[in-house]
mmCIF file of all heavy atoms, coordinates in Angstrom:
data_MODEL
# 
_entry.id   MODEL 
# 
loop_
_atom_site.group_PDB 
_atom_site.id 
_atom_site.type_symbol 
_atom_site.label_atom_id 
_atom_site.label_alt_id 
_atom_site.label_comp_id 
_atom_site.label_asym_id 
_atom_site.label_entity_id 
_atom_site.label_seq_id 
_atom_site.pdbx_PDB_ins_code 
_atom_site.Cartn_x 
_atom_site.Cartn_y 
_atom_site.Cartn_z 
_atom_site.occupancy 
_atom_site.B_iso_or_equiv 
_atom_site.pdbx_formal_charge 
_atom_site.auth_seq_id 
_atom_site.auth_comp_id 
_atom_site.auth_asym_id 
_atom_site.auth_atom_id 
_atom_site.pdbx_PDB_model_num 
ATOM 1   N N   . HIS A 1 1  ? -42.723 95.254 -138.714 1.00 0.00 ? 1  HIS A N   1 
ATOM 2   C CA  . HIS A 1 1  ? -41.440 95.551 -138.079 1.00 0.00 ? 1  HIS A CA  1 
ATOM 3   C C   . HIS A 1 1  ? -40.779 94.306 -137.490 1.00 0.00 ? 1  HIS A C   1 
ATOM 4   O O   . HIS A 1 1  ? -39.553 94.268 -137.336 1.00 0.00 ? 1  HIS A O   1 
ATOM 5   C CB  . HIS A 1 1  ? -41.626 96.606 -136.984 1.00 0.00 ? 1  HIS A CB  1 
ATOM 6   C CG  . HIS A 1 1  ? -42.314 96.087 -135.751 1.00 0.00 ? 1  HIS A CG  1 
ATOM 7   N ND1 . HIS A 1 1  ? -43.692 95.983 -135.650 1.00 0.00 ? 1  HIS A ND1 1 
ATOM 8   C CD2 . HIS A 1 1  ? -41.821 95.630 -134.570 1.00 0.00 ? 1  HIS A CD2 1 
ATOM 9   C CE1 . HIS A 1 1  ? -44.009 95.510 -134.468 1.00 0.00 ? 1  HIS A CE1 1 
ATOM 10  N NE2 . HIS A 1 1  ? -42.905 95.287 -133.785 1.00 0.00 ? 1  HIS A NE2 1 
ATOM 11  N N   . ARG A 1 2  ? -41.557 93.275 -137.185 1.00 0.00 ? 2  ARG A N   1 
ATOM 12  C CA  . ARG A 1 2  ? -40.970 92.090 -136.557 1.00 0.00 ? 2  ARG A CA  1 
ATOM 13  C C   . ARG A 1 2  ? -40.052 91.320 -137.505 1.00 0.00 ? 2  ARG A C   1 
ATOM 14  O O   . ARG A 1 2  ? -38.922 90.994 -137.111 1.00 0.00 ? 2  ARG A O   1 
ATOM 15  C CB  . ARG A 1 2  ? -42.080 91.193 -136.007 1.00 0.00 ? 2  ARG A CB  1 
ATOM 16  C CG  . ARG A 1 2  ? -42.807 91.807 -134.817 1.00 0.00 ? 2  ARG A CG  1 
ATOM 17  C CD  . ARG A 1 2  ? -43.912 90.898 -134.300 1.00 0.00 ? 2  ARG A CD  1 
ATOM 18  N NE  . ARG A 1 2  ? -44.666 91.545 -133.226 1.00 0.00 ? 2  ARG A NE  1 
ATOM 19  C CZ  . ARG A 1 2  ? -45.768 91.044 -132.680 1.00 0.00 ? 2  ARG A CZ  1 
ATOM 20  N NH1 . ARG A 1 2  ? -46.261 89.876 -133.124 1.00 0.00 ? 2  ARG A NH1 1 
ATOM 21  N NH2 . ARG A 1 2  ? -46.390 91.693 -131.721 1.00 0.00 ? 2  ARG A NH2 1 
ATOM 22  N N   . PRO A 1 3  ? -40.470 90.969 -138.721 1.00 0.00 ? 3  PRO A N   1 
ATOM 23  C CA  . PRO A 1 3  ? -39.509 90.297 -139.605 1.00 0.00 ? 3  PRO A CA  1 
ATOM 24  C C   . PRO A 1 3  ? -38.299 91.162 -139.942 1.00 0.00 ? 3  PRO A C   1 
ATOM 25  O O   . PRO A 1 3  ? -37.192 90.641 -140.135 1.00 0.00 ? 3  PRO A O   1 
ATOM 26  C CB  . PRO A 1 3  ? -40.331 89.971 -140.860 1.00 0.00 ? 3  PRO A CB  1 
ATOM 27  C CG  . PRO A 1 3  ? -41.520 90.852 -140.798 1.00 0.00 ? 3  PRO A CG  1 
ATOM 28  C CD  . PRO A 1 3  ? -41.802 91.055 -139.351 1.00 0.00 ? 3  PRO A CD  1 
ATOM 29  N N   . ILE A 1 4  ? -38.496 92.488 -140.008 1.00 0.00 ? 4  ILE A N   1 
ATOM 30  C CA  . ILE A 1 4  ? -37.353 93.371 -140.270 1.00 0.00 ? 4  ILE A CA  1 
ATOM 31  C C   . ILE A 1 4  ? -36.338 93.258 -139.138 1.00 0.00 ? 4  ILE A C   1 
ATOM 32  O O   . ILE A 1 4  ? -35.125 93.135 -139.368 1.00 0.00 ? 4  ILE A O   1 
ATOM 33  C CB  . ILE A 1 4  ? -37.834 94.824 -140.446 1.00 0.00 ? 4  ILE A CB  1 
ATOM 34  C CG1 . ILE A 1 4  ? -38.692 94.946 -141.704 1.00 0.00 ? 4  ILE A CG1 1 
ATOM 35  C CG2 . ILE A 1 4  ? -36.644 95.781 -140.508 1.00 0.00 ? 4  ILE A CG2 1 
ATOM 36  C CD1 . ILE A 1 4  ? -39.309 96.324 -141.890 1.00 0.00 ? 4  ILE A CD1 1 
ATOM 37  N N   . LEU A 1 5  ? -36.814 93.280 -137.905 1.00 0.00 ? 5  LEU A N   1 
ATOM 38  C CA  . LEU A 1 5  ? -35.920 93.147 -136.752 1.00 0.00 ? 5  LEU A CA  1 
ATOM 39  C C   . LEU A 1 5  ? -35.251 91.773 -136.726 1.00 0.00 ? 5  LEU A C   1 
ATOM 40  O O   . LEU A 1 5  ? -34.062 91.656 -136.393 1.00 0.00 ? 5  LEU A O   1 
ATOM 41  C CB  . LEU A 1 5  ? -36.705 93.371 -135.457 1.00 0.00 ? 5  LEU A CB  1 
ATOM 42  C CG  . LEU A 1 5  ? -37.162 94.806 -135.179 1.00 0.00 ? 5  LEU A CG  1 
ATOM 43  C CD1 . LEU A 1 5  ? -38.060 94.838 -133.946 1.00 0.00 ? 5  LEU A CD1 1 
ATOM 44  C CD2 . LEU A 1 5  ? -35.960 95.717 -134.982 1.00 0.00 ? 5  LEU A CD2 1 
ATOM 45  N N   . TRP A 1 6  ? -36.008 90.741 -137.065 1.00 0.00 ? 6  TRP A N   1 
ATOM 46  C CA  . TRP A 1 6  ? -35.457 89.387 -137.047 1.00 0.00 ? 6  TRP A CA  1 
ATOM 47  C C   . TRP A 1 6  ? -34.324 89.233 -138.066 1.00 0.00 ? 6  TRP A C   1 
ATOM 48  O O   . TRP A 1 6  ? -33.246 88.728 -137.741 1.00 0.00 ? 6  TRP A O   1 
ATOM 49  C CB  . TRP A 1 6  ? -36.575 88.387 -137.336 1.00 0.00 ? 6  TRP A CB  1 
ATOM 50  C CG  . TRP A 1 6  ? -36.180 86.942 -137.227 1.00 0.00 ? 6  TRP A CG  1 
ATOM 51  C CD1 . TRP A 1 6  ? -35.957 86.077 -138.259 1.00 0.00 ? 6  TRP A CD1 1 
ATOM 52  C CD2 . TRP A 1 6  ? -35.980 86.191 -136.029 1.00 0.00 ? 6  TRP A CD2 1 
ATOM 53  N NE1 . TRP A 1 6  ? -35.632 84.834 -137.782 1.00 0.00 ? 6  TRP A NE1 1 
ATOM 54  C CE2 . TRP A 1 6  ? -35.645 84.871 -136.414 1.00 0.00 ? 6  TRP A CE2 1 
ATOM 55  C CE3 . TRP A 1 6  ? -36.054 86.487 -134.677 1.00 0.00 ? 6  TRP A CE3 1 
ATOM 56  C CZ2 . TRP A 1 6  ? -35.380 83.866 -135.489 1.00 0.00 ? 6  TRP A CZ2 1 
ATOM 57  C CZ3 . TRP A 1 6  ? -35.796 85.489 -133.753 1.00 0.00 ? 6  TRP A CZ3 1 
ATOM 58  C CH2 . TRP A 1 6  ? -35.457 84.200 -134.157 1.00 0.00 ? 6  TRP A CH2 1 
ATOM 59  N N   . VAL A 1 7  ? -34.562 89.681 -139.274 1.00 0.00 ? 7  VAL A N   1 
ATOM 60  C CA  . VAL A 1 7  ? -33.531 89.588 -140.317 1.00 0.00 ? 7  VAL A CA  1 
ATOM 61  C C   . VAL A 1 7  ? -32.336 90.450 -139.949 1.00 0.00 ? 7  VAL A C   1 
ATOM 62  O O   . VAL A 1 7  ? -31.174 90.037 -140.100 1.00 0.00 ? 7  VAL A O   1 
ATOM 63  C CB  . VAL A 1 7  ? -34.108 89.993 -141.681 1.00 0.00 ? 7  VAL A CB  1 
ATOM 64  C CG1 . VAL A 1 7  ? -33.006 90.050 -142.738 1.00 0.00 ? 7  VAL A CG1 1 
ATOM 65  C CG2 . VAL A 1 7  ? -35.199 89.017 -142.114 1.00 0.00 ? 7  VAL A CG2 1 
ATOM 66  N N   . LEU A 1 8  ? -32.588 91.646 -139.465 1.00 0.00 ? 8  LEU A N   1 
ATOM 67  C CA  . LEU A 1 8  ? -31.495 92.539 -139.087 1.00 0.00 ? 8  LEU A CA  1 
ATOM 68  C C   . LEU A 1 8  ? -30.680 91.948 -137.937 1.00 0.00 ? 8  LEU A C   1 
ATOM 69  O O   . LEU A 1 8  ? -29.442 92.026 -137.936 1.00 0.00 ? 8  LEU A O   1 
ATOM 70  C CB  . LEU A 1 8  ? -32.063 93.905 -138.688 1.00 0.00 ? 8  LEU A CB  1 
ATOM 71  C CG  . LEU A 1 8  ? -31.037 94.979 -138.325 1.00 0.00 ? 8  LEU A CG  1 
ATOM 72  C CD1 . LEU A 1 8  ? -30.100 95.252 -139.497 1.00 0.00 ? 8  LEU A CD1 1 
ATOM 73  C CD2 . LEU A 1 8  ? -31.747 96.264 -137.885 1.00 0.00 ? 8  LEU A CD2 1 
ATOM 74  N N   . GLY A 1 9  ? -31.361 91.329 -136.972 1.00 0.00 ? 9  GLY A N   1 
ATOM 75  C CA  . GLY A 1 9  ? -30.654 90.719 -135.850 1.00 0.00 ? 9  GLY A CA  1 
ATOM 76  C C   . GLY A 1 9  ? -29.713 89.613 -136.287 1.00 0.00 ? 9  GLY A C   1 
ATOM 77  O O   . GLY A 1 9  ? -28.553 89.548 -135.844 1.00 0.00 ? 9  GLY A O   1 
ATOM 78  N N   . TRP A 1 10 ? -30.175 88.756 -137.160 1.00 0.00 ? 10 TRP A N   1 
ATOM 79  C CA  . TRP A 1 10 ? -29.311 87.666 -137.629 1.00 0.00 ? 10 TRP A CA  1 
ATOM 80  C C   . TRP A 1 10 ? -28.227 88.184 -138.567 1.00 0.00 ? 10 TRP A C   1 
ATOM 81  O O   . TRP A 1 10 ? -27.116 87.619 -138.613 1.00 0.00 ? 10 TRP A O   1 
ATOM 82  C CB  . TRP A 1 10 ? -30.143 86.583 -138.304 1.00 0.00 ? 10 TRP A CB  1 
ATOM 83  C CG  . TRP A 1 10 ? -30.864 85.736 -137.306 1.00 0.00 ? 10 TRP A CG  1 
ATOM 84  C CD1 . TRP A 1 10 ? -32.207 85.701 -137.075 1.00 0.00 ? 10 TRP A CD1 1 
ATOM 85  C CD2 . TRP A 1 10 ? -30.274 84.827 -136.377 1.00 0.00 ? 10 TRP A CD2 1 
ATOM 86  N NE1 . TRP A 1 10 ? -32.498 84.820 -136.057 1.00 0.00 ? 10 TRP A NE1 1 
ATOM 87  C CE2 . TRP A 1 10 ? -31.332 84.266 -135.611 1.00 0.00 ? 10 TRP A CE2 1 
ATOM 88  C CE3 . TRP A 1 10 ? -28.975 84.421 -136.111 1.00 0.00 ? 10 TRP A CE3 1 
ATOM 89  C CZ2 . TRP A 1 10 ? -31.111 83.324 -134.612 1.00 0.00 ? 10 TRP A CZ2 1 
ATOM 90  C CZ3 . TRP A 1 10 ? -28.745 83.487 -135.104 1.00 0.00 ? 10 TRP A CZ3 1 
ATOM 91  C CH2 . TRP A 1 10 ? -29.796 82.948 -134.366 1.00 0.00 ? 10 TRP A CH2 1 
ATOM 92  N N   . ALA A 1 11 ? -28.491 89.256 -139.314 1.00 0.00 ? 11 ALA A N   1 
ATOM 93  C CA  . ALA A 1 11 ? -27.447 89.849 -140.147 1.00 0.00 ? 11 ALA A CA  1 
ATOM 94  C C   . ALA A 1 11 ? -26.326 90.414 -139.273 1.00 0.00 ? 11 ALA A C   1 
ATOM 95  O O   . ALA A 1 11 ? -25.130 90.246 -139.580 1.00 0.00 ? 11 ALA A O   1 
ATOM 96  C CB  . ALA A 1 11 ? -28.040 90.948 -141.031 1.00 0.00 ? 11 ALA A CB  1 
ATOM 97  N N   . VAL A 1 12 ? -26.694 91.068 -138.189 1.00 0.00 ? 12 VAL A N   1 
ATOM 98  C CA  . VAL A 1 12 ? -25.688 91.581 -137.258 1.00 0.00 ? 12 VAL A CA  1 
ATOM 99  C C   . VAL A 1 12 ? -24.924 90.431 -136.619 1.00 0.00 ? 12 VAL A C   1 
ATOM 100 O O   . VAL A 1 12 ? -23.695 90.503 -136.434 1.00 0.00 ? 12 VAL A O   1 
ATOM 101 C CB  . VAL A 1 12 ? -26.365 92.462 -136.183 1.00 0.00 ? 12 VAL A CB  1 
ATOM 102 C CG1 . VAL A 1 12 ? -25.375 92.845 -135.084 1.00 0.00 ? 12 VAL A CG1 1 
ATOM 103 C CG2 . VAL A 1 12 ? -26.952 93.713 -136.822 1.00 0.00 ? 12 VAL A CG2 1 
ATOM 104 N N   . PHE A 1 13 ? -25.617 89.349 -136.294 1.00 0.00 ? 13 PHE A N   1 
ATOM 105 C CA  . PHE A 1 13 ? -24.959 88.185 -135.716 1.00 0.00 ? 13 PHE A CA  1 
ATOM 106 C C   . PHE A 1 13 ? -23.937 87.592 -136.691 1.00 0.00 ? 13 PHE A C   1 
ATOM 107 O O   . PHE A 1 13 ? -22.823 87.235 -136.290 1.00 0.00 ? 13 PHE A O   1 
ATOM 108 C CB  . PHE A 1 13 ? -26.008 87.135 -135.338 1.00 0.00 ? 13 PHE A CB  1 
ATOM 109 C CG  . PHE A 1 13 ? -25.429 85.868 -134.778 1.00 0.00 ? 13 PHE A CG  1 
ATOM 110 C CD1 . PHE A 1 13 ? -24.990 85.801 -133.473 1.00 0.00 ? 13 PHE A CD1 1 
ATOM 111 C CD2 . PHE A 1 13 ? -25.323 84.736 -135.577 1.00 0.00 ? 13 PHE A CD2 1 
ATOM 112 C CE1 . PHE A 1 13 ? -24.444 84.632 -132.961 1.00 0.00 ? 13 PHE A CE1 1 
ATOM 113 C CE2 . PHE A 1 13 ? -24.787 83.561 -135.079 1.00 0.00 ? 13 PHE A CE2 1 
ATOM 114 C CZ  . PHE A 1 13 ? -24.350 83.516 -133.766 1.00 0.00 ? 13 PHE A CZ  1 
ATOM 115 N N   . VAL A 1 14 ? -24.310 87.476 -137.955 1.00 0.00 ? 14 VAL A N   1 
ATOM 116 C CA  . VAL A 1 14 ? -23.385 86.948 -138.955 1.00 0.00 ? 14 VAL A CA  1 
ATOM 117 C C   . VAL A 1 14 ? -22.168 87.857 -139.089 1.00 0.00 ? 14 VAL A C   1 
ATOM 118 O O   . VAL A 1 14 ? -21.027 87.382 -139.200 1.00 0.00 ? 14 VAL A O   1 
ATOM 119 C CB  . VAL A 1 14 ? -24.107 86.785 -140.312 1.00 0.00 ? 14 VAL A CB  1 
ATOM 120 C CG1 . VAL A 1 14 ? -23.105 86.486 -141.424 1.00 0.00 ? 14 VAL A CG1 1 
ATOM 121 C CG2 . VAL A 1 14 ? -25.129 85.662 -140.229 1.00 0.00 ? 14 VAL A CG2 1 
ATOM 122 N N   . TYR A 1 15 ? -22.387 89.167 -139.058 1.00 0.00 ? 15 TYR A N   1 
ATOM 123 C CA  . TYR A 1 15 ? -21.246 90.082 -139.118 1.00 0.00 ? 15 TYR A CA  1 
ATOM 124 C C   . TYR A 1 15 ? -20.326 89.886 -137.916 1.00 0.00 ? 15 TYR A C   1 
ATOM 125 O O   . TYR A 1 15 ? -19.089 89.876 -138.058 1.00 0.00 ? 15 TYR A O   1 
ATOM 126 C CB  . TYR A 1 15 ? -21.731 91.523 -139.169 1.00 0.00 ? 15 TYR A CB  1 
ATOM 127 C CG  . TYR A 1 15 ? -20.609 92.526 -138.981 1.00 0.00 ? 15 TYR A CG  1 
ATOM 128 C CD1 . TYR A 1 15 ? -19.683 92.754 -139.993 1.00 0.00 ? 15 TYR A CD1 1 
ATOM 129 C CD2 . TYR A 1 15 ? -20.476 93.224 -137.778 1.00 0.00 ? 15 TYR A CD2 1 
ATOM 130 C CE1 . TYR A 1 15 ? -18.643 93.660 -139.810 1.00 0.00 ? 15 TYR A CE1 1 
ATOM 131 C CE2 . TYR A 1 15 ? -19.441 94.123 -137.592 1.00 0.00 ? 15 TYR A CE2 1 
ATOM 132 C CZ  . TYR A 1 15 ? -18.526 94.335 -138.605 1.00 0.00 ? 15 TYR A CZ  1 
ATOM 133 O OH  . TYR A 1 15 ? -17.493 95.212 -138.417 1.00 0.00 ? 15 TYR A OH  1 
ATOM 134 N N   . ALA A 1 16 ? -20.907 89.722 -136.739 1.00 0.00 ? 16 ALA A N   1 
ATOM 135 C CA  . ALA A 1 16 ? -20.088 89.566 -135.535 1.00 0.00 ? 16 ALA A CA  1 
ATOM 136 C C   . ALA A 1 16 ? -19.300 88.270 -135.540 1.00 0.00 ? 16 ALA A C   1 
ATOM 137 O O   . ALA A 1 16 ? -18.204 88.204 -134.968 1.00 0.00 ? 16 ALA A O   1 
ATOM 138 C CB  . ALA A 1 16 ? -20.977 89.628 -134.293 1.00 0.00 ? 16 ALA A CB  1 
ATOM 139 N N   . THR A 1 17 ? -19.813 87.226 -136.179 1.00 0.00 ? 17 THR A N   1 
ATOM 140 C CA  . THR A 1 17 ? -19.146 85.919 -136.155 1.00 0.00 ? 17 THR A CA  1 
ATOM 141 C C   . THR A 1 17 ? -18.343 85.622 -137.414 1.00 0.00 ? 17 THR A C   1 
ATOM 142 O O   . THR A 1 17 ? -17.590 84.644 -137.437 1.00 0.00 ? 17 THR A O   1 
ATOM 143 C CB  . THR A 1 17 ? -20.186 84.802 -135.959 1.00 0.00 ? 17 THR A CB  1 
ATOM 144 O OG1 . THR A 1 17 ? -21.215 84.916 -136.962 1.00 0.00 ? 17 THR A OG1 1 
ATOM 145 C CG2 . THR A 1 17 ? -20.821 84.890 -134.580 1.00 0.00 ? 17 THR A CG2 1 
ATOM 146 N N   . CYS A 1 18 ? -18.503 86.428 -138.447 1.00 0.00 ? 18 CYS A N   1 
ATOM 147 C CA  . CYS A 1 18 ? -17.761 86.213 -139.696 1.00 0.00 ? 18 CYS A CA  1 
ATOM 148 C C   . CYS A 1 18 ? -16.945 87.425 -140.111 1.00 0.00 ? 18 CYS A C   1 
ATOM 149 O O   . CYS A 1 18 ? -16.022 87.285 -140.926 1.00 0.00 ? 18 CYS A O   1 
ATOM 150 C CB  . CYS A 1 18 ? -18.715 85.851 -140.838 1.00 0.00 ? 18 CYS A CB  1 
ATOM 151 S SG  . CYS A 1 18 ? -19.658 84.337 -140.584 1.00 0.00 ? 18 CYS A SG  1 
ATOM 152 N N   . GLY A 1 19 ? -17.296 88.589 -139.628 1.00 0.00 ? 19 GLY A N   1 
ATOM 153 C CA  . GLY A 1 19 ? -16.621 89.805 -140.033 1.00 0.00 ? 19 GLY A CA  1 
ATOM 154 C C   . GLY A 1 19 ? -15.432 90.149 -139.158 1.00 0.00 ? 19 GLY A C   1 
ATOM 155 O O   . GLY A 1 19 ? -14.838 89.304 -138.485 1.00 0.00 ? 19 GLY A O   1 
ATOM 156 N N   . ALA A 1 20 ? -15.089 91.438 -139.139 1.00 0.00 ? 20 ALA A N   1 
ATOM 157 C CA  . ALA A 1 20 ? -13.914 91.909 -138.407 1.00 0.00 ? 20 ALA A CA  1 
ATOM 158 C C   . ALA A 1 20 ? -13.946 91.565 -136.917 1.00 0.00 ? 20 ALA A C   1 
ATOM 159 O O   . ALA A 1 20 ? -12.901 91.218 -136.355 1.00 0.00 ? 20 ALA A O   1 
ATOM 160 C CB  . ALA A 1 20 ? -13.768 93.417 -138.606 1.00 0.00 ? 20 ALA A CB  1 
ATOM 161 N N   . PRO A 1 21 ? -15.096 91.657 -136.210 1.00 0.00 ? 21 PRO A N   1 
ATOM 162 C CA  . PRO A 1 21 ? -15.068 91.288 -134.790 1.00 0.00 ? 21 PRO A CA  1 
ATOM 163 C C   . PRO A 1 21 ? -14.594 89.862 -134.551 1.00 0.00 ? 21 PRO A C   1 
ATOM 164 O O   . PRO A 1 21 ? -13.907 89.596 -133.556 1.00 0.00 ? 21 PRO A O   1 
ATOM 165 C CB  . PRO A 1 21 ? -16.535 91.470 -134.358 1.00 0.00 ? 21 PRO A CB  1 
ATOM 166 C CG  . PRO A 1 21 ? -17.079 92.490 -135.294 1.00 0.00 ? 21 PRO A CG  1 
ATOM 167 C CD  . PRO A 1 21 ? -16.413 92.215 -136.607 1.00 0.00 ? 21 PRO A CD  1 
ATOM 168 N N   . ALA A 1 22 ? -14.947 88.942 -135.442 1.00 0.00 ? 22 ALA A N   1 
ATOM 169 C CA  . ALA A 1 22 ? -14.513 87.555 -135.268 1.00 0.00 ? 22 ALA A CA  1 
ATOM 170 C C   . ALA A 1 22 ? -13.066 87.363 -135.700 1.00 0.00 ? 22 ALA A C   1 
ATOM 171 O O   . ALA A 1 22 ? -12.284 86.699 -135.013 1.00 0.00 ? 22 ALA A O   1 
ATOM 172 C CB  . ALA A 1 22 ? -15.421 86.621 -136.064 1.00 0.00 ? 22 ALA A CB  1 
ATOM 173 N N   . VAL A 1 23 ? -12.682 87.948 -136.835 1.00 0.00 ? 23 VAL A N   1 
ATOM 174 C CA  . VAL A 1 23 ? -11.320 87.752 -137.356 1.00 0.00 ? 23 VAL A CA  1 
ATOM 175 C C   . VAL A 1 23 ? -10.298 88.376 -136.418 1.00 0.00 ? 23 VAL A C   1 
ATOM 176 O O   . VAL A 1 23 ? -9.312  87.742 -136.022 1.00 0.00 ? 23 VAL A O   1 
ATOM 177 C CB  . VAL A 1 23 ? -11.207 88.342 -138.772 1.00 0.00 ? 23 VAL A CB  1 
ATOM 178 C CG1 . VAL A 1 23 ? -9.763  88.268 -139.265 1.00 0.00 ? 23 VAL A CG1 1 
ATOM 179 C CG2 . VAL A 1 23 ? -12.135 87.612 -139.725 1.00 0.00 ? 23 VAL A CG2 1 
ATOM 180 N N   . TYR A 1 24 ? -10.518 89.634 -136.055 1.00 0.00 ? 24 TYR A N   1 
ATOM 181 C CA  . TYR A 1 24 ? -9.572  90.292 -135.161 1.00 0.00 ? 24 TYR A CA  1 
ATOM 182 C C   . TYR A 1 24 ? -9.804  89.905 -133.697 1.00 0.00 ? 24 TYR A C   1 
ATOM 183 O O   . TYR A 1 24 ? -8.897  90.015 -132.867 1.00 0.00 ? 24 TYR A O   1 
ATOM 184 C CB  . TYR A 1 24 ? -9.662  91.813 -135.331 1.00 0.00 ? 24 TYR A CB  1 
ATOM 185 C CG  . TYR A 1 24 ? -8.991  92.293 -136.592 1.00 0.00 ? 24 TYR A CG  1 
ATOM 186 C CD1 . TYR A 1 24 ? -9.723  92.449 -137.771 1.00 0.00 ? 24 TYR A CD1 1 
ATOM 187 C CD2 . TYR A 1 24 ? -7.634  92.566 -136.624 1.00 0.00 ? 24 TYR A CD2 1 
ATOM 188 C CE1 . TYR A 1 24 ? -9.116  92.876 -138.942 1.00 0.00 ? 24 TYR A CE1 1 
ATOM 189 C CE2 . TYR A 1 24 ? -7.013  92.989 -137.790 1.00 0.00 ? 24 TYR A CE2 1 
ATOM 190 C CZ  . TYR A 1 24 ? -7.756  93.139 -138.945 1.00 0.00 ? 24 TYR A CZ  1 
ATOM 191 O OH  . TYR A 1 24 ? -7.149  93.546 -140.105 1.00 0.00 ? 24 TYR A OH  1 
ATOM 192 N N   . GLY A 1 25 ? -11.020 89.449 -133.395 1.00 0.00 ? 25 GLY A N   1 
ATOM 193 C CA  . GLY A 1 25 ? -11.286 88.998 -132.032 1.00 0.00 ? 25 GLY A CA  1 
ATOM 194 C C   . GLY A 1 25 ? -10.522 87.749 -131.653 1.00 0.00 ? 25 GLY A C   1 
ATOM 195 O O   . GLY A 1 25 ? -10.394 87.430 -130.473 1.00 0.00 ? 25 GLY A O   1 
ATOM 196 N N   . ALA A 1 26 ? -10.005 87.034 -132.655 1.00 0.00 ? 26 ALA A N   1 
ATOM 197 C CA  . ALA A 1 26 ? -9.196  85.849 -132.375 1.00 0.00 ? 26 ALA A CA  1 
ATOM 198 C C   . ALA A 1 26 ? -7.814  86.207 -131.869 1.00 0.00 ? 26 ALA A C   1 
ATOM 199 O O   . ALA A 1 26 ? -7.128  85.356 -131.292 1.00 0.00 ? 26 ALA A O   1 
ATOM 200 C CB  . ALA A 1 26 ? -9.077  84.989 -133.633 1.00 0.00 ? 26 ALA A CB  1 
ATOM 201 N N   . VAL A 1 27 ? -7.367  87.470 -132.070 1.00 0.00 ? 27 VAL A N   1 
ATOM 202 C CA  . VAL A 1 27 ? -6.015  87.867 -131.657 1.00 0.00 ? 27 VAL A CA  1 
ATOM 203 C C   . VAL A 1 27 ? -5.997  89.142 -130.825 1.00 0.00 ? 27 VAL A C   1 
ATOM 204 O O   . VAL A 1 27 ? -4.974  89.451 -130.205 1.00 0.00 ? 27 VAL A O   1 
ATOM 205 C CB  . VAL A 1 27 ? -5.102  88.046 -132.888 1.00 0.00 ? 27 VAL A CB  1 
ATOM 206 C CG1 . VAL A 1 27 ? -4.882  86.716 -133.591 1.00 0.00 ? 27 VAL A CG1 1 
ATOM 207 C CG2 . VAL A 1 27 ? -5.673  89.072 -133.863 1.00 0.00 ? 27 VAL A CG2 1 
ATOM 208 N N   . LEU A 1 28 ? -7.083  89.920 -130.821 1.00 0.00 ? 28 LEU A N   1 
ATOM 209 C CA  . LEU A 1 28 ? -7.142  91.165 -130.068 1.00 0.00 ? 28 LEU A CA  1 
ATOM 210 C C   . LEU A 1 28 ? -8.250  91.105 -129.030 1.00 0.00 ? 28 LEU A C   1 
ATOM 211 O O   . LEU A 1 28 ? -9.401  90.775 -129.349 1.00 0.00 ? 28 LEU A O   1 
ATOM 212 C CB  . LEU A 1 28 ? -7.410  92.350 -131.003 1.00 0.00 ? 28 LEU A CB  1 
ATOM 213 C CG  . LEU A 1 28 ? -6.301  92.786 -131.966 1.00 0.00 ? 28 LEU A CG  1 
ATOM 214 C CD1 . LEU A 1 28 ? -6.772  93.966 -132.788 1.00 0.00 ? 28 LEU A CD1 1 
ATOM 215 C CD2 . LEU A 1 28 ? -5.037  93.122 -131.215 1.00 0.00 ? 28 LEU A CD2 1 
ATOM 216 N N   . PHE A 1 29 ? -7.914  91.452 -127.795 1.00 0.00 ? 29 PHE A N   1 
ATOM 217 C CA  . PHE A 1 29 ? -8.919  91.462 -126.734 1.00 0.00 ? 29 PHE A CA  1 
ATOM 218 C C   . PHE A 1 29 ? -9.999  92.501 -127.034 1.00 0.00 ? 29 PHE A C   1 
ATOM 219 O O   . PHE A 1 29 ? -11.191 92.268 -126.815 1.00 0.00 ? 29 PHE A O   1 
ATOM 220 C CB  . PHE A 1 29 ? -8.236  91.763 -125.398 1.00 0.00 ? 29 PHE A CB  1 
ATOM 221 C CG  . PHE A 1 29 ? -9.034  91.353 -124.195 1.00 0.00 ? 29 PHE A CG  1 
ATOM 222 C CD1 . PHE A 1 29 ? -8.407  91.154 -122.982 1.00 0.00 ? 29 PHE A CD1 1 
ATOM 223 C CD2 . PHE A 1 29 ? -10.407 91.169 -124.254 1.00 0.00 ? 29 PHE A CD2 1 
ATOM 224 C CE1 . PHE A 1 29 ? -9.122  90.773 -121.862 1.00 0.00 ? 29 PHE A CE1 1 
ATOM 225 C CE2 . PHE A 1 29 ? -11.143 90.786 -123.148 1.00 0.00 ? 29 PHE A CE2 1 
ATOM 226 C CZ  . PHE A 1 29 ? -10.494 90.599 -121.942 1.00 0.00 ? 29 PHE A CZ  1 
ATOM 227 N N   . SER A 1 30 ? -9.605  93.658 -127.534 1.00 0.00 ? 30 SER A N   1 
ATOM 228 C CA  . SER A 1 30 ? -10.573 94.721 -127.793 1.00 0.00 ? 30 SER A CA  1 
ATOM 229 C C   . SER A 1 30 ? -11.592 94.299 -128.855 1.00 0.00 ? 30 SER A C   1 
ATOM 230 O O   . SER A 1 30 ? -12.801 94.514 -128.697 1.00 0.00 ? 30 SER A O   1 
ATOM 231 C CB  . SER A 1 30 ? -9.846  95.987 -128.235 1.00 0.00 ? 30 SER A CB  1 
ATOM 232 O OG  . SER A 1 30 ? -9.018  95.726 -129.360 1.00 0.00 ? 30 SER A OG  1 
ATOM 233 N N   . ALA A 1 31 ? -11.126 93.685 -129.944 1.00 0.00 ? 31 ALA A N   1 
ATOM 234 C CA  . ALA A 1 31 ? -12.049 93.219 -130.976 1.00 0.00 ? 31 ALA A CA  1 
ATOM 235 C C   . ALA A 1 31 ? -12.914 92.075 -130.467 1.00 0.00 ? 31 ALA A C   1 
ATOM 236 O O   . ALA A 1 31 ? -14.098 91.962 -130.831 1.00 0.00 ? 31 ALA A O   1 
ATOM 237 C CB  . ALA A 1 31 ? -11.270 92.783 -132.218 1.00 0.00 ? 31 ALA A CB  1 
ATOM 238 N N   . HIS A 1 32 ? -12.326 91.219 -129.629 1.00 0.00 ? 32 HIS A N   1 
ATOM 239 C CA  . HIS A 1 32 ? -13.106 90.139 -129.027 1.00 0.00 ? 32 HIS A CA  1 
ATOM 240 C C   . HIS A 1 32 ? -14.245 90.714 -128.191 1.00 0.00 ? 32 HIS A C   1 
ATOM 241 O O   . HIS A 1 32 ? -15.363 90.194 -128.216 1.00 0.00 ? 32 HIS A O   1 
ATOM 242 C CB  . HIS A 1 32 ? -12.201 89.270 -128.159 1.00 0.00 ? 32 HIS A CB  1 
ATOM 243 C CG  . HIS A 1 32 ? -12.938 88.262 -127.346 1.00 0.00 ? 32 HIS A CG  1 
ATOM 244 N ND1 . HIS A 1 32 ? -13.211 86.985 -127.801 1.00 0.00 ? 32 HIS A ND1 1 
ATOM 245 C CD2 . HIS A 1 32 ? -13.494 88.330 -126.120 1.00 0.00 ? 32 HIS A CD2 1 
ATOM 246 C CE1 . HIS A 1 32 ? -13.885 86.329 -126.880 1.00 0.00 ? 32 HIS A CE1 1 
ATOM 247 N NE2 . HIS A 1 32 ? -14.068 87.121 -125.846 1.00 0.00 ? 32 HIS A NE2 1 
# 
């Protein structure tokens, strides 16, 4: 379960910094 959590954690991090939260977070407080 540990490598699964590690990979999943970094996948979520990449989504937060490259996906919609990052793109819209640059112009919307709510997305930020």
